[in-house]
Structures are given as structure tokens and as C-alpha cells.
Amino acid sequence: MKKKINTTGKLSLKKELTKAEMKQIAGGVGYTQTYCSGGWAGPFPVAGSSQIGCQPAYCSATGHGTFLYCA
């Protein structure tokens, strides 16, 4: 027996989230920078590093500790 799914509408994140929240999720570009706490590779950003946008997963994946915030 197949279960029929009834939809009541469509969810649009663009309508539900603020512009800043969308940038965090989508990895917004521009002048946004990811800030990390520091791990075996040290804190991020470091002097001379290029801006990478808001990428929370970058911190732990590169050894820069835990994600702090984007600004």
C-alpha cells in the first residue's frame, strides 16, 4: 500500500530567513569572513589570508578549531 503525501504549500527559505541568515547558509560572498577559535593550525583568519566568505565547516576541516562566527 502506497502512502499518499498531501502538501499544503511550498517552503521558501528566501521568505523565511533574513538576508544575513541566507548568507550564512549559502556561504555568502563579499566582505564576509569566517572566524575560527584555533586548533592545531591556529586561529583563522591569519594575517594575509584571503576572505573565504561564511563557511562554518571550514574551521574543523582545516584544523583551525571550532566555528565562532561570520562577519
Protein backbone atom coordinates (compact mmCIF):
# COMPACT_ATOMS: atom_id res chain seq x y z
CA MET A 1 0.00 0.00 0.00
CA LYS A 2 1.45 3.35 -1.03
CA LYS A 3 1.20 6.29 1.30
CA LYS A 4 -0.12 9.42 -0.37
CA ILE A 5 1.60 12.64 0.65
CA ASN A 6 -0.56 15.72 0.82
CA THR A 7 1.23 19.05 0.54
CA THR A 8 -0.21 22.21 1.99
CA GLY A 9 2.19 24.62 0.32
CA LYS A 10 5.79 25.27 -0.58
CA LEU A 11 8.54 26.32 1.79
CA SER A 12 10.74 29.12 0.56
CA LEU A 13 13.80 29.83 2.67
CA LYS A 14 14.11 33.17 0.91
CA LYS A 15 10.82 34.19 2.53
CA GLU A 16 11.55 32.61 5.92
CA LEU A 17 15.13 33.80 6.58
CA THR A 18 16.79 37.19 6.75
CA LYS A 19 19.45 38.16 4.22
CA ALA A 20 22.22 37.60 6.80
CA GLU A 21 20.89 34.13 7.65
CA MET A 22 20.75 33.23 3.97
CA LYS A 23 24.39 34.26 3.57
CA GLN A 24 25.39 32.02 6.48
CA ILE A 25 23.64 29.02 4.95
CA ALA A 26 24.62 29.65 1.35
CA GLY A 27 28.22 30.65 2.08
CA GLY A 28 27.71 34.25 1.12
CA VAL A 29 30.40 36.06 -0.77
CA GLY A 30 31.58 39.60 -0.48
CA TYR A 31 33.20 41.02 2.61
CA THR A 32 32.05 38.23 4.90
CA GLN A 33 34.78 36.29 6.67
CA THR A 34 34.69 33.09 8.73
CA TYR A 35 36.25 33.25 12.19
CA CYS A 36 37.58 30.14 13.96
CA SER A 37 38.71 29.56 17.55
CA GLY A 38 42.09 27.99 16.76
CA GLY A 39 43.19 24.38 16.65
CA TRP A 40 46.42 22.67 15.66
CA ALA A 41 46.62 25.04 12.64
CA GLY A 42 45.96 28.13 14.78
CA PRO A 43 43.05 30.57 14.73
CA PHE A 44 41.59 31.85 11.49
CA PRO A 45 41.80 34.32 9.83
CA VAL A 46 45.56 34.84 9.91
CA ALA A 47 47.37 37.90 8.65
CA GLY A 48 47.44 37.93 4.87
CA SER A 49 44.69 35.35 4.40
CA SER A 50 42.09 35.97 1.74
CA GLN A 51 38.41 36.23 2.59
CA ILE A 52 36.61 32.91 2.16
CA GLY A 53 33.07 34.03 2.85
CA CYS A 54 30.95 32.42 5.54
CA GLN A 55 31.89 28.74 5.62
CA PRO A 56 31.33 27.28 9.12
CA ALA A 57 32.60 23.82 8.09
CA TYR A 58 35.97 25.29 7.06
CA CYS A 59 37.22 25.61 10.66
CA SER A 60 37.17 21.97 11.72
CA ALA A 61 38.02 20.65 8.25
CA THR A 62 41.28 22.61 8.11
CA GLY A 63 42.34 22.26 11.75
CA HIS A 64 41.50 25.83 12.76
CA GLY A 65 39.32 24.76 15.69
CA THR A 66 35.63 25.43 16.05
CA PHE A 67 33.50 27.91 14.14
CA LEU A 68 32.92 31.15 16.07
CA TYR A 69 31.01 33.50 13.76
CA CYS A 70 30.93 35.23 10.38
CA ALA A 71 31.36 38.97 9.98
